[in-house]
Amino acid sequence: MSSQKLIFHVEDNPDNRLLVRRLLTAFGYQVVEAENASQALEVLKTTQPDLILMDINMPDMDGYTLTIQLKSRPELMDVPIIAITANAMRGDRERTLDAGCDGYIEKPIDIDKFIDQIERFLI
């Protein structure tokens, strides 16, 4: 995959951000990060990502609400948003898809499958 692809990662946990950043940069992706929904909205005023990785459980606004807001923007409506979440109960996957997420990756991340999961949405 091209090193020109920009992935935007919204995640409040610094350890999770570090893991995802290391995995993505090792495969040549550019990574931009936000720690919460408010910061994400600011960053996206000046950034056009190829893919958004969205934590669902964040303190200021959950990922469902943020996804709905982002998908309502014309410049972001076609950008894939992938939920990365520890929510693995019955109905959680459907709820992320109903909010507008294009995919769903469970935490803890399977580092052997992660890049393949991401690349499916960048084709």
PDB file of N, CA and C in Angstrom:
ATOM      1  N   MET A   1       0.850  -1.182   0.000  1.00  0.00           N
ATOM      2  CA  MET A   1       0.000   0.000   0.000  1.00  0.00           C
ATOM      3  C   MET A   1       0.890   1.237   0.000  1.00  0.00           C
ATOM      4  N   SER A   2       0.414   2.302  -0.567  1.00  0.00           N
ATOM      5  CA  SER A   2       1.195   3.524  -0.747  1.00  0.00           C
ATOM      6  C   SER A   2       1.484   4.227   0.570  1.00  0.00           C
ATOM      7  N   SER A   3       2.710   4.757   0.657  1.00  0.00           N
ATOM      8  CA  SER A   3       3.068   5.517   1.855  1.00  0.00           C
ATOM      9  C   SER A   3       2.348   6.856   1.886  1.00  0.00           C
ATOM     10  N   GLN A   4       1.660   7.195   0.800  1.00  0.00           N
ATOM     11  CA  GLN A   4       0.924   8.451   0.745  1.00  0.00           C
ATOM     12  C   GLN A   4      -0.426   8.375   1.468  1.00  0.00           C
ATOM     13  N   LYS A   5      -0.846   7.194   1.859  1.00  0.00           N
ATOM     14  CA  LYS A   5      -2.129   7.060   2.538  1.00  0.00           C
ATOM     15  C   LYS A   5      -2.042   7.623   3.950  1.00  0.00           C
ATOM     16  N   LEU A   6      -3.007   8.469   4.300  1.00  0.00           N
ATOM     17  CA  LEU A   6      -3.051   9.114   5.612  1.00  0.00           C
ATOM     18  C   LEU A   6      -4.184   8.502   6.437  1.00  0.00           C
ATOM     19  N   ILE A   7      -3.835   7.984   7.589  1.00  0.00           N
ATOM     20  CA  ILE A   7      -4.809   7.377   8.485  1.00  0.00           C
ATOM     21  C   ILE A   7      -4.923   8.249   9.728  1.00  0.00           C
ATOM     22  N   PHE A   8      -6.155   8.593  10.057  1.00  0.00           N
ATOM     23  CA  PHE A   8      -6.447   9.421  11.226  1.00  0.00           C
ATOM     24  C   PHE A   8      -6.967   8.508  12.330  1.00  0.00           C
ATOM     25  N   HIS A   9      -6.308   8.530  13.483  1.00  0.00           N
ATOM     26  CA  HIS A   9      -6.660   7.638  14.589  1.00  0.00           C
ATOM     27  C   HIS A   9      -7.168   8.454  15.767  1.00  0.00           C
ATOM     28  N   VAL A  10      -8.400   8.205  16.177  1.00  0.00           N
ATOM     29  CA  VAL A  10      -9.010   8.876  17.322  1.00  0.00           C
ATOM     30  C   VAL A  10      -9.066   7.869  18.464  1.00  0.00           C
ATOM     31  N   GLU A  11      -8.294   8.124  19.513  1.00  0.00           N
ATOM     32  CA  GLU A  11      -8.150   7.156  20.615  1.00  0.00           C
ATOM     33  C   GLU A  11      -7.680   7.892  21.869  1.00  0.00           C
ATOM     34  N   ASP A  12      -8.383   7.699  22.991  1.00  0.00           N
ATOM     35  CA  ASP A  12      -7.999   8.396  24.223  1.00  0.00           C
ATOM     36  C   ASP A  12      -6.891   7.696  25.001  1.00  0.00           C
ATOM     37  N   ASN A  13      -6.649   6.419  24.740  1.00  0.00           N
ATOM     38  CA  ASN A  13      -5.637   5.674  25.489  1.00  0.00           C
ATOM     39  C   ASN A  13      -4.274   5.795  24.797  1.00  0.00           C
ATOM     40  N   PRO A  14      -3.273   6.374  25.481  1.00  0.00           N
ATOM     41  CA  PRO A  14      -1.970   6.577  24.845  1.00  0.00           C
ATOM     42  C   PRO A  14      -1.272   5.279  24.438  1.00  0.00           C
ATOM     43  N   ASP A  15      -1.449   4.205  25.192  1.00  0.00           N
ATOM     44  CA  ASP A  15      -0.833   2.923  24.826  1.00  0.00           C
ATOM     45  C   ASP A  15      -1.428   2.372  23.532  1.00  0.00           C
ATOM     46  N   ASN A  16      -2.735   2.506  23.385  1.00  0.00           N
ATOM     47  CA  ASN A  16      -3.390   2.045  22.156  1.00  0.00           C
ATOM     48  C   ASN A  16      -2.960   2.894  20.957  1.00  0.00           C
ATOM     49  N   ARG A  17      -2.834   4.217  21.172  1.00  0.00           N
ATOM     50  CA  ARG A  17      -2.364   5.088  20.084  1.00  0.00           C
ATOM     51  C   ARG A  17      -0.959   4.681  19.646  1.00  0.00           C
ATOM     52  N   LEU A  18      -0.096   4.425  20.614  1.00  0.00           N
ATOM     53  CA  LEU A  18       1.285   4.054  20.309  1.00  0.00           C
ATOM     54  C   LEU A  18       1.340   2.750  19.506  1.00  0.00           C
ATOM     55  N   LEU A  19       0.595   1.742  19.927  1.00  0.00           N
ATOM     56  CA  LEU A  19       0.584   0.457  19.224  1.00  0.00           C
ATOM     57  C   LEU A  19       0.124   0.635  17.782  1.00  0.00           C
ATOM     58  N   VAL A  20      -0.985   1.321  17.587  1.00  0.00           N
ATOM     59  CA  VAL A  20      -1.524   1.510  16.238  1.00  0.00           C
ATOM     60  C   VAL A  20      -0.553   2.335  15.393  1.00  0.00           C
ATOM     61  N   ARG A  21       0.009   3.391  15.963  1.00  0.00           N
ATOM     62  CA  ARG A  21       0.968   4.219  15.224  1.00  0.00           C
ATOM     63  C   ARG A  21       2.170   3.389  14.775  1.00  0.00           C
ATOM     64  N   ARG A  22       2.703   2.564  15.672  1.00  0.00           N
ATOM     65  CA  ARG A  22       3.863   1.732  15.310  1.00  0.00           C
ATOM     66  C   ARG A  22       3.529   0.733  14.207  1.00  0.00           C
ATOM     67  N   LEU A  23       2.377   0.108  14.304  1.00  0.00           N
ATOM     68  CA  LEU A  23       1.977  -0.854  13.274  1.00  0.00           C
ATOM     69  C   LEU A  23       1.802  -0.167  11.921  1.00  0.00           C
ATOM     70  N   LEU A  24       1.106   0.947  11.915  1.00  0.00           N
ATOM     71  CA  LEU A  24       0.814   1.626  10.648  1.00  0.00           C
ATOM     72  C   LEU A  24       2.063   2.230  10.019  1.00  0.00           C
ATOM     73  N   THR A  25       2.899   2.885  10.816  1.00  0.00           N
ATOM     74  CA  THR A  25       4.098   3.498  10.246  1.00  0.00           C
ATOM     75  C   THR A  25       5.079   2.437   9.758  1.00  0.00           C
ATOM     76  N   ALA A  26       5.098   1.273  10.399  1.00  0.00           N
ATOM     77  CA  ALA A  26       5.971   0.186   9.947  1.00  0.00           C
ATOM     78  C   ALA A  26       5.595  -0.276   8.541  1.00  0.00           C
ATOM     79  N   PHE A  27       4.341  -0.065   8.152  1.00  0.00           N
ATOM     80  CA  PHE A  27       3.884  -0.449   6.819  1.00  0.00           C
ATOM     81  C   PHE A  27       3.785   0.748   5.877  1.00  0.00           C
ATOM     82  N   GLY A  28       4.384   1.877   6.274  1.00  0.00           N
ATOM     83  CA  GLY A  28       4.491   3.022   5.384  1.00  0.00           C
ATOM     84  C   GLY A  28       3.345   4.004   5.389  1.00  0.00           C
ATOM     85  N   TYR A  29       2.437   3.872   6.312  1.00  0.00           N
ATOM     86  CA  TYR A  29       1.318   4.815   6.380  1.00  0.00           C
ATOM     87  C   TYR A  29       1.706   6.061   7.157  1.00  0.00           C
ATOM     88  N   GLN A  30       1.106   7.179   6.801  1.00  0.00           N
ATOM     89  CA  GLN A  30       1.207   8.391   7.604  1.00  0.00           C
ATOM     90  C   GLN A  30       0.081   8.333   8.625  1.00  0.00           C
ATOM     91  N   VAL A  31       0.353   8.766   9.848  1.00  0.00           N
ATOM     92  CA  VAL A  31      -0.645   8.698  10.912  1.00  0.00           C
ATOM     93  C   VAL A  31      -0.791  10.069  11.563  1.00  0.00           C
ATOM     94  N   VAL A  32      -2.036  10.494  11.709  1.00  0.00           N
ATOM     95  CA  VAL A  32      -2.385  11.689  12.472  1.00  0.00           C
ATOM     96  C   VAL A  32      -3.295  11.216  13.587  1.00  0.00           C
ATOM     97  N   GLU A  33      -3.139  11.796  14.778  1.00  0.00           N
ATOM     98  CA  GLU A  33      -3.881  11.306  15.938  1.00  0.00           C
ATOM     99  C   GLU A  33      -4.643  12.420  16.646  1.00  0.00           C
ATOM    100  N   ALA A  34      -5.684  11.987  17.332  1.00  0.00           N
ATOM    101  CA  ALA A  34      -6.429  12.858  18.242  1.00  0.00           C
ATOM    102  C   ALA A  34      -6.752  12.046  19.488  1.00  0.00           C
ATOM    103  N   GLU A  35      -6.722  12.706  20.637  1.00  0.00           N
ATOM    104  CA  GLU A  35      -6.969  12.028  21.913  1.00  0.00           C
ATOM    105  C   GLU A  35      -8.440  11.964  22.288  1.00  0.00           C
ATOM    106  N   ASN A  36      -9.261  12.790  21.648  1.00  0.00           N
ATOM    107  CA  ASN A  36     -10.687  12.820  21.977  1.00  0.00           C
ATOM    108  C   ASN A  36     -11.459  13.407  20.805  1.00  0.00           C
ATOM    109  N   ALA A  37     -12.770  13.424  20.940  1.00  0.00           N
ATOM    110  CA  ALA A  37     -13.624  13.886  19.849  1.00  0.00           C
ATOM    111  C   ALA A  37     -13.427  15.379  19.561  1.00  0.00           C
ATOM    112  N   SER A  38     -13.281  16.186  20.581  1.00  0.00           N
ATOM    113  CA  SER A  38     -13.087  17.626  20.375  1.00  0.00           C
ATOM    114  C   SER A  38     -11.823  17.891  19.566  1.00  0.00           C
ATOM    115  N   GLN A  39     -10.746  17.218  19.946  1.00  0.00           N
ATOM    116  CA  GLN A  39      -9.487  17.370  19.218  1.00  0.00           C
ATOM    117  C   GLN A  39      -9.640  16.840  17.790  1.00  0.00           C
ATOM    118  N   ALA A  40     -10.363  15.748  17.628  1.00  0.00           N
ATOM    119  CA  ALA A  40     -10.583  15.185  16.290  1.00  0.00           C
ATOM    120  C   ALA A  40     -11.289  16.186  15.384  1.00  0.00           C
ATOM    121  N   LEU A  41     -12.308  16.839  15.902  1.00  0.00           N
ATOM    122  CA  LEU A  41     -13.045  17.823  15.097  1.00  0.00           C
ATOM    123  C   LEU A  41     -12.139  18.979  14.684  1.00  0.00           C
ATOM    124  N   GLU A  42     -11.237  19.390  15.553  1.00  0.00           N
ATOM    125  CA  GLU A  42     -10.279  20.452  15.227  1.00  0.00           C
ATOM    126  C   GLU A  42      -9.320  20.002  14.134  1.00  0.00           C
ATOM    127  N   VAL A  43      -8.733  18.837  14.313  1.00  0.00           N
ATOM    128  CA  VAL A  43      -7.754  18.321  13.352  1.00  0.00           C
ATOM    129  C   VAL A  43      -8.388  18.169  11.969  1.00  0.00           C
ATOM    130  N   LEU A  44      -9.627  17.713  11.934  1.00  0.00           N
ATOM    131  CA  LEU A  44     -10.275  17.443  10.647  1.00  0.00           C
ATOM    132  C   LEU A  44     -10.683  18.709   9.898  1.00  0.00           C
ATOM    133  N   LYS A  45     -10.524  19.857  10.517  1.00  0.00           N
ATOM    134  CA  LYS A  45     -10.751  21.115   9.798  1.00  0.00           C
ATOM    135  C   LYS A  45      -9.665  21.340   8.753  1.00  0.00           C
ATOM    136  N   THR A  46      -8.486  20.765   8.983  1.00  0.00           N
ATOM    137  CA  THR A  46      -7.348  20.998   8.086  1.00  0.00           C
ATOM    138  C   THR A  46      -6.725  19.708   7.556  1.00  0.00           C
ATOM    139  N   THR A  47      -7.328  18.571   7.821  1.00  0.00           N
ATOM    140  CA  THR A  47      -6.767  17.280   7.422  1.00  0.00           C
ATOM    141  C   THR A  47      -7.811  16.475   6.662  1.00  0.00           C
ATOM    142  N   GLN A  48      -7.389  15.877   5.549  1.00  0.00           N
ATOM    143  CA  GLN A  48      -8.285  15.017   4.770  1.00  0.00           C
ATOM    144  C   GLN A  48      -7.690  13.607   4.755  1.00  0.00           C
ATOM    145  N   PRO A  49      -8.125  12.758   5.697  1.00  0.00           N
ATOM    146  CA  PRO A  49      -7.564  11.402   5.763  1.00  0.00           C
ATOM    147  C   PRO A  49      -8.147  10.484   4.699  1.00  0.00           C
ATOM    148  N   ASP A  50      -7.417   9.393   4.455  1.00  0.00           N
ATOM    149  CA  ASP A  50      -7.908   8.341   3.566  1.00  0.00           C
ATOM    150  C   ASP A  50      -8.737   7.323   4.332  1.00  0.00           C
ATOM    151  N   LEU A  51      -8.527   7.276   5.660  1.00  0.00           N
ATOM    152  CA  LEU A  51      -9.208   6.316   6.523  1.00  0.00           C
ATOM    153  C   LEU A  51      -9.205   6.879   7.938  1.00  0.00           C
ATOM    154  N   ILE A  52     -10.285   6.626   8.687  1.00  0.00           N
ATOM    155  CA  ILE A  52     -10.367   7.041  10.084  1.00  0.00           C
ATOM    156  C   ILE A  52     -10.551   5.802  10.945  1.00  0.00           C
ATOM    157  N   LEU A  53      -9.704   5.668  11.960  1.00  0.00           N
ATOM    158  CA  LEU A  53      -9.849   4.621  12.975  1.00  0.00           C
ATOM    159  C   LEU A  53     -10.457   5.268  14.198  1.00  0.00           C
ATOM    160  N   MET A  54     -11.593   4.751  14.655  1.00  0.00           N
ATOM    161  CA  MET A  54     -12.393   5.415  15.684  1.00  0.00           C
ATOM    162  C   MET A  54     -12.553   4.562  16.930  1.00  0.00           C
ATOM    163  N   ASP A  55     -12.023   5.071  18.046  1.00  0.00           N
ATOM    164  CA  ASP A  55     -12.313   4.455  19.335  1.00  0.00           C
ATOM    165  C   ASP A  55     -13.777   4.768  19.654  1.00  0.00           C
ATOM    166  N   ILE A  56     -14.478   3.845  20.241  1.00  0.00           N
ATOM    167  CA  ILE A  56     -15.888   4.064  20.564  1.00  0.00           C
ATOM    168  C   ILE A  56     -16.070   4.662  21.951  1.00  0.00           C
ATOM    169  N   ASN A  57     -15.293   4.204  22.918  1.00  0.00           N
ATOM    170  CA  ASN A  57     -15.454   4.683  24.295  1.00  0.00           C
ATOM    171  C   ASN A  57     -14.448   5.785  24.600  1.00  0.00           C
ATOM    172  N   MET A  58     -14.917   7.030  24.471  1.00  0.00           N
ATOM    173  CA  MET A  58     -14.079   8.191  24.771  1.00  0.00           C
ATOM    174  C   MET A  58     -14.801   9.065  25.784  1.00  0.00           C
ATOM    175  N   PRO A  59     -14.052   9.837  26.558  1.00  0.00           N
ATOM    176  CA  PRO A  59     -14.661  10.587  27.653  1.00  0.00           C
ATOM    177  C   PRO A  59     -15.550  11.762  27.252  1.00  0.00           C
ATOM    178  N   ASP A  60     -15.205  12.521  26.215  1.00  0.00           N
ATOM    179  CA  ASP A  60     -15.977  13.732  25.934  1.00  0.00           C
ATOM    180  C   ASP A  60     -17.177  13.495  25.021  1.00  0.00           C
ATOM    181  N   MET A  61     -17.027  12.613  24.067  1.00  0.00           N
ATOM    182  CA  MET A  61     -18.103  12.264  23.139  1.00  0.00           C
ATOM    183  C   MET A  61     -17.780  10.865  22.641  1.00  0.00           C
ATOM    184  N   ASP A  62     -18.746   9.981  22.628  1.00  0.00           N
ATOM    185  CA  ASP A  62     -18.423   8.624  22.185  1.00  0.00           C
ATOM    186  C   ASP A  62     -18.229   8.567  20.672  1.00  0.00           C
ATOM    187  N   GLY A  63     -17.609   7.491  20.246  1.00  0.00           N
ATOM    188  CA  GLY A  63     -17.295   7.325  18.839  1.00  0.00           C
ATOM    189  C   GLY A  63     -18.512   7.188  17.946  1.00  0.00           C
ATOM    190  N   TYR A  64     -19.616   6.714  18.496  1.00  0.00           N
ATOM    191  CA  TYR A  64     -20.851   6.636  17.709  1.00  0.00           C
ATOM    192  C   TYR A  64     -21.284   8.038  17.282  1.00  0.00           C
ATOM    193  N   THR A  65     -21.350   8.932  18.266  1.00  0.00           N
ATOM    194  CA  THR A  65     -21.796  10.299  18.015  1.00  0.00           C
ATOM    195  C   THR A  65     -20.842  11.017  17.071  1.00  0.00           C
ATOM    196  N   LEU A  66     -19.542  10.843  17.310  1.00  0.00           N
ATOM    197  CA  LEU A  66     -18.554  11.489  16.443  1.00  0.00           C
ATOM    198  C   LEU A  66     -18.650  10.952  15.016  1.00  0.00           C
ATOM    199  N   THR A  67     -18.843   9.663  14.860  1.00  0.00           N
ATOM    200  CA  THR A  67     -18.971   9.075  13.522  1.00  0.00           C
ATOM    201  C   THR A  67     -20.169   9.659  12.786  1.00  0.00           C
ATOM    202  N   ILE A  68     -21.288   9.774  13.470  1.00  0.00           N
ATOM    203  CA  ILE A  68     -22.482  10.363  12.847  1.00  0.00           C
ATOM    204  C   ILE A  68     -22.187  11.779  12.373  1.00  0.00           C
ATOM    205  N   GLN A  69     -21.499  12.565  13.211  1.00  0.00           N
ATOM    206  CA  GLN A  69     -21.151  13.942  12.830  1.00  0.00           C
ATOM    207  C   GLN A  69     -20.226  13.964  11.613  1.00  0.00           C
ATOM    208  N   LEU A  70     -19.217  13.107  11.612  1.00  0.00           N
ATOM    209  CA  LEU A  70     -18.254  13.108  10.517  1.00  0.00           C
ATOM    210  C   LEU A  70     -18.883  12.651   9.212  1.00  0.00           C
ATOM    211  N   LYS A  71     -19.729  11.636   9.271  1.00  0.00           N
ATOM    212  CA  LYS A  71     -20.373  11.130   8.054  1.00  0.00           C
ATOM    213  C   LYS A  71     -21.366  12.138   7.463  1.00  0.00           C
ATOM    214  N   SER A  72     -21.768  13.126   8.253  1.00  0.00           N
ATOM    215  CA  SER A  72     -22.690  14.146   7.737  1.00  0.00           C
ATOM    216  C   SER A  72     -21.949  15.247   6.974  1.00  0.00           C
ATOM    217  N   ARG A  73     -20.633  15.256   7.037  1.00  0.00           N
ATOM    218  CA  ARG A  73     -19.832  16.262   6.327  1.00  0.00           C
ATOM    219  C   ARG A  73     -19.550  15.776   4.902  1.00  0.00           C
ATOM    220  N   PRO A  74     -19.841  16.612   3.915  1.00  0.00           N
ATOM    221  CA  PRO A  74     -19.623  16.186   2.520  1.00  0.00           C
ATOM    222  C   PRO A  74     -18.192  15.726   2.242  1.00  0.00           C
ATOM    223  N   GLU A  75     -17.202  16.404   2.813  1.00  0.00           N
ATOM    224  CA  GLU A  75     -15.811  16.060   2.529  1.00  0.00           C
ATOM    225  C   GLU A  75     -15.349  14.770   3.216  1.00  0.00           C
ATOM    226  N   LEU A  76     -16.154  14.259   4.164  1.00  0.00           N
ATOM    227  CA  LEU A  76     -15.776  13.043   4.888  1.00  0.00           C
ATOM    228  C   LEU A  76     -16.728  11.871   4.660  1.00  0.00           C
ATOM    229  N   MET A  77     -17.846  12.117   3.994  1.00  0.00           N
ATOM    230  CA  MET A  77     -18.871  11.070   3.890  1.00  0.00           C
ATOM    231  C   MET A  77     -18.378   9.818   3.176  1.00  0.00           C
ATOM    232  N   ASP A  78     -17.367   9.955   2.310  1.00  0.00           N
ATOM    233  CA  ASP A  78     -16.852   8.785   1.592  1.00  0.00           C
ATOM    234  C   ASP A  78     -15.576   8.223   2.214  1.00  0.00           C
ATOM    235  N   VAL A  79     -15.112   8.819   3.308  1.00  0.00           N
ATOM    236  CA  VAL A  79     -13.920   8.321   3.990  1.00  0.00           C
ATOM    237  C   VAL A  79     -14.339   7.157   4.897  1.00  0.00           C
ATOM    238  N   PRO A  80     -13.740   5.985   4.721  1.00  0.00           N
ATOM    239  CA  PRO A  80     -14.102   4.859   5.586  1.00  0.00           C
ATOM    240  C   PRO A  80     -13.756   5.147   7.053  1.00  0.00           C
ATOM    241  N   ILE A  81     -14.680   4.809   7.935  1.00  0.00           N
ATOM    242  CA  ILE A  81     -14.450   4.916   9.378  1.00  0.00           C
ATOM    243  C   ILE A  81     -14.549   3.513   9.951  1.00  0.00           C
ATOM    244  N   ILE A  82     -13.480   3.098  10.608  1.00  0.00           N
ATOM    245  CA  ILE A  82     -13.409   1.766  11.196  1.00  0.00           C
ATOM    246  C   ILE A  82     -13.413   1.906  12.713  1.00  0.00           C
ATOM    247  N   ALA A  83     -14.381   1.290  13.355  1.00  0.00           N
ATOM    248  CA  ALA A  83     -14.427   1.289  14.817  1.00  0.00           C
ATOM    249  C   ALA A  83     -13.366   0.328  15.339  1.00  0.00           C
ATOM    250  N   ILE A  84     -12.618   0.785  16.330  1.00  0.00           N
ATOM    251  CA  ILE A  84     -11.691  -0.102  17.051  1.00  0.00           C
ATOM    252  C   ILE A  84     -12.151  -0.054  18.496  1.00  0.00           C
ATOM    253  N   THR A  85     -12.694  -1.160  18.975  1.00  0.00           N
ATOM    254  CA  THR A  85     -13.347  -1.106  20.275  1.00  0.00           C
ATOM    255  C   THR A  85     -13.266  -2.416  21.043  1.00  0.00           C
ATOM    256  N   ALA A  86     -13.313  -2.280  22.349  1.00  0.00           N
ATOM    257  CA  ALA A  86     -13.378  -3.449  23.230  1.00  0.00           C
ATOM    258  C   ALA A  86     -14.829  -3.893  23.414  1.00  0.00           C
ATOM    259  N   ASN A  87     -15.765  -3.117  22.887  1.00  0.00           N
ATOM    260  CA  ASN A  87     -17.183  -3.489  22.970  1.00  0.00           C
ATOM    261  C   ASN A  87     -17.415  -4.696  22.068  1.00  0.00           C
ATOM    262  N   ALA A  88     -17.541  -5.852  22.681  1.00  0.00           N
ATOM    263  CA  ALA A  88     -17.695  -7.077  21.893  1.00  0.00           C
ATOM    264  C   ALA A  88     -18.937  -7.857  22.310  1.00  0.00           C
ATOM    265  N   MET A  89     -19.887  -7.171  22.890  1.00  0.00           N
ATOM    266  CA  MET A  89     -21.133  -7.812  23.301  1.00  0.00           C
ATOM    267  C   MET A  89     -22.063  -7.932  22.098  1.00  0.00           C
ATOM    268  N   ARG A  90     -23.050  -8.764  22.237  1.00  0.00           N
ATOM    269  CA  ARG A  90     -24.041  -8.930  21.175  1.00  0.00           C
ATOM    270  C   ARG A  90     -24.661  -7.565  20.857  1.00  0.00           C
ATOM    271  N   GLY A  91     -24.695  -7.225  19.583  1.00  0.00           N
ATOM    272  CA  GLY A  91     -25.292  -5.974  19.148  1.00  0.00           C
ATOM    273  C   GLY A  91     -24.312  -4.819  19.003  1.00  0.00           C
ATOM    274  N   ASP A  92     -23.105  -4.933  19.585  1.00  0.00           N
ATOM    275  CA  ASP A  92     -22.147  -3.825  19.505  1.00  0.00           C
ATOM    276  C   ASP A  92     -21.669  -3.584  18.075  1.00  0.00           C
ATOM    277  N   ARG A  93     -21.392  -4.657  17.350  1.00  0.00           N
ATOM    278  CA  ARG A  93     -20.956  -4.511  15.961  1.00  0.00           C
ATOM    279  C   ARG A  93     -22.044  -3.816  15.134  1.00  0.00           C
ATOM    280  N   GLU A  94     -23.276  -4.254  15.306  1.00  0.00           N
ATOM    281  CA  GLU A  94     -24.390  -3.655  14.570  1.00  0.00           C
ATOM    282  C   GLU A  94     -24.553  -2.183  14.931  1.00  0.00           C
ATOM    283  N   ARG A  95     -24.373  -1.861  16.203  1.00  0.00           N
ATOM    284  CA  ARG A  95     -24.518  -0.460  16.628  1.00  0.00           C
ATOM    285  C   ARG A  95     -23.460   0.423  15.964  1.00  0.00           C
ATOM    286  N   THR A  96     -22.216  -0.076  15.841  1.00  0.00           N
ATOM    287  CA  THR A  96     -21.179   0.726  15.180  1.00  0.00           C
ATOM    288  C   THR A  96     -21.508   0.914  13.702  1.00  0.00           C
ATOM    289  N   LEU A  97     -22.001  -0.134  13.063  1.00  0.00           N
ATOM    290  CA  LEU A  97     -22.359  -0.029  11.649  1.00  0.00           C
ATOM    291  C   LEU A  97     -23.554   0.894  11.460  1.00  0.00           C
ATOM    292  N   ASP A  98     -24.526   0.828  12.363  1.00  0.00           N
ATOM    293  CA  ASP A  98     -25.695   1.715  12.301  1.00  0.00           C
ATOM    294  C   ASP A  98     -25.302   3.178  12.464  1.00  0.00           C
ATOM    295  N   ALA A  99     -24.238   3.443  13.233  1.00  0.00           N
ATOM    296  CA  ALA A  99     -23.769   4.821  13.440  1.00  0.00           C
ATOM    297  C   ALA A  99     -23.035   5.358  12.212  1.00  0.00           C
ATOM    298  N   GLY A 100     -22.704   4.466  11.277  1.00  0.00           N
ATOM    299  CA  GLY A 100     -22.037   4.902  10.057  1.00  0.00           C
ATOM    300  C   GLY A 100     -20.641   4.356   9.879  1.00  0.00           C
ATOM    301  N   CYS A 101     -20.165   3.570  10.828  1.00  0.00           N
ATOM    302  CA  CYS A 101     -18.845   2.961  10.663  1.00  0.00           C
ATOM    303  C   CYS A 101     -18.896   1.960   9.510  1.00  0.00           C
ATOM    304  N   ASP A 102     -17.802   1.896   8.780  1.00  0.00           N
ATOM    305  CA  ASP A 102     -17.721   0.993   7.636  1.00  0.00           C
ATOM    306  C   ASP A 102     -17.149  -0.364   8.006  1.00  0.00           C
ATOM    307  N   GLY A 103     -16.587  -0.456   9.205  1.00  0.00           N
ATOM    308  CA  GLY A 103     -15.997  -1.704   9.661  1.00  0.00           C
ATOM    309  C   GLY A 103     -15.801  -1.688  11.156  1.00  0.00           C
ATOM    310  N   TYR A 104     -15.304  -2.797  11.666  1.00  0.00           N
ATOM    311  CA  TYR A 104     -15.244  -3.011  13.115  1.00  0.00           C
ATOM    312  C   TYR A 104     -14.060  -3.913  13.417  1.00  0.00           C
ATOM    313  N   ILE A 105     -13.168  -3.446  14.289  1.00  0.00           N
ATOM    314  CA  ILE A 105     -12.029  -4.241  14.736  1.00  0.00           C
ATOM    315  C   ILE A 105     -12.092  -4.313  16.255  1.00  0.00           C
ATOM    316  N   GLU A 106     -12.042  -5.537  16.779  1.00  0.00           N
ATOM    317  CA  GLU A 106     -12.113  -5.711  18.234  1.00  0.00           C
ATOM    318  C   GLU A 106     -10.755  -5.499  18.882  1.00  0.00           C
ATOM    319  N   LYS A 107     -10.797  -4.924  20.087  1.00  0.00           N
ATOM    320  CA  LYS A 107      -9.612  -4.853  20.948  1.00  0.00           C
ATOM    321  C   LYS A 107      -9.652  -6.067  21.860  1.00  0.00           C
ATOM    322  N   PRO A 108      -8.533  -6.617  22.233  1.00  0.00           N
ATOM    323  CA  PRO A 108      -7.201  -6.180  21.820  1.00  0.00           C
ATOM    324  C   PRO A 108      -6.955  -6.489  20.347  1.00  0.00           C
ATOM    325  N   ILE A 109      -6.212  -5.609  19.716  1.00  0.00           N
ATOM    326  CA  ILE A 109      -5.903  -5.734  18.295  1.00  0.00           C
ATOM    327  C   ILE A 109      -5.043  -6.974  18.066  1.00  0.00           C
ATOM    328  N   ASP A 110      -5.388  -7.727  17.050  1.00  0.00           N
ATOM    329  CA  ASP A 110      -4.580  -8.867  16.623  1.00  0.00           C
ATOM    330  C   ASP A 110      -3.531  -8.315  15.662  1.00  0.00           C
ATOM    331  N   ILE A 111      -2.303  -8.148  16.129  1.00  0.00           N
ATOM    332  CA  ILE A 111      -1.282  -7.477  15.320  1.00  0.00           C
ATOM    333  C   ILE A 111      -0.948  -8.239  14.043  1.00  0.00           C
ATOM    334  N   ASP A 112      -1.215  -9.531  14.002  1.00  0.00           N
ATOM    335  CA  ASP A 112      -0.959 -10.312  12.794  1.00  0.00           C
ATOM    336  C   ASP A 112      -2.008 -10.075  11.708  1.00  0.00           C
ATOM    337  N   LYS A 113      -3.186  -9.630  12.089  1.00  0.00           N
ATOM    338  CA  LYS A 113      -4.275  -9.417  11.132  1.00  0.00           C
ATOM    339  C   LYS A 113      -4.569  -7.940  10.886  1.00  0.00           C
ATOM    340  N   PHE A 114      -4.063  -7.063  11.738  1.00  0.00           N
ATOM    341  CA  PHE A 114      -4.457  -5.654  11.737  1.00  0.00           C
ATOM    342  C   PHE A 114      -4.241  -4.968  10.386  1.00  0.00           C
ATOM    343  N   ILE A 115      -3.057  -5.074   9.822  1.00  0.00           N
ATOM    344  CA  ILE A 115      -2.776  -4.373   8.565  1.00  0.00           C
ATOM    345  C   ILE A 115      -3.670  -4.890   7.447  1.00  0.00           C
ATOM    346  N   ASP A 116      -3.907  -6.200   7.389  1.00  0.00           N
ATOM    347  CA  ASP A 116      -4.823  -6.735   6.380  1.00  0.00           C
ATOM    348  C   ASP A 116      -6.224  -6.168   6.559  1.00  0.00           C
ATOM    349  N   GLN A 117      -6.655  -6.030   7.818  1.00  0.00           N
ATOM    350  CA  GLN A 117      -7.981  -5.458   8.084  1.00  0.00           C
ATOM    351  C   GLN A 117      -8.056  -4.015   7.595  1.00  0.00           C
ATOM    352  N   ILE A 118      -7.003  -3.255   7.819  1.00  0.00           N
ATOM    353  CA  ILE A 118      -6.961  -1.859   7.398  1.00  0.00           C
ATOM    354  C   ILE A 118      -6.930  -1.755   5.874  1.00  0.00           C
ATOM    355  N   GLU A 119      -6.079  -2.554   5.247  1.00  0.00           N
ATOM    356  CA  GLU A 119      -5.888  -2.452   3.802  1.00  0.00           C
ATOM    357  C   GLU A 119      -7.143  -2.794   3.003  1.00  0.00           C
ATOM    358  N   ARG A 120      -8.015  -3.603   3.560  1.00  0.00           N
ATOM    359  CA  ARG A 120      -9.285  -3.904   2.865  1.00  0.00           C
ATOM    360  C   ARG A 120     -10.090  -2.638   2.604  1.00  0.00           C
ATOM    361  N   PHE A 121      -9.930  -1.636   3.452  1.00  0.00           N
ATOM    362  CA  PHE A 121     -10.719  -0.406   3.305  1.00  0.00           C
ATOM    363  C   PHE A 121      -9.998   0.676   2.505  1.00  0.00           C
ATOM    364  N   LEU A 122      -8.768   0.422   2.114  1.00  0.00           N
ATOM    365  CA  LEU A 122      -7.989   1.420   1.377  1.00  0.00           C
ATOM    366  C   LEU A 122      -7.837   1.084  -0.101  1.00  0.00           C
ATOM    367  N   ILE A 123      -8.505   0.072  -0.542  1.00  0.00           N
ATOM    368  CA  ILE A 123      -8.400  -0.339  -1.951  1.00  0.00           C
ATOM    369  C   ILE A 123      -9.206   0.596  -2.832  1.00  0.00           C
TER     370      ILE A 123
END
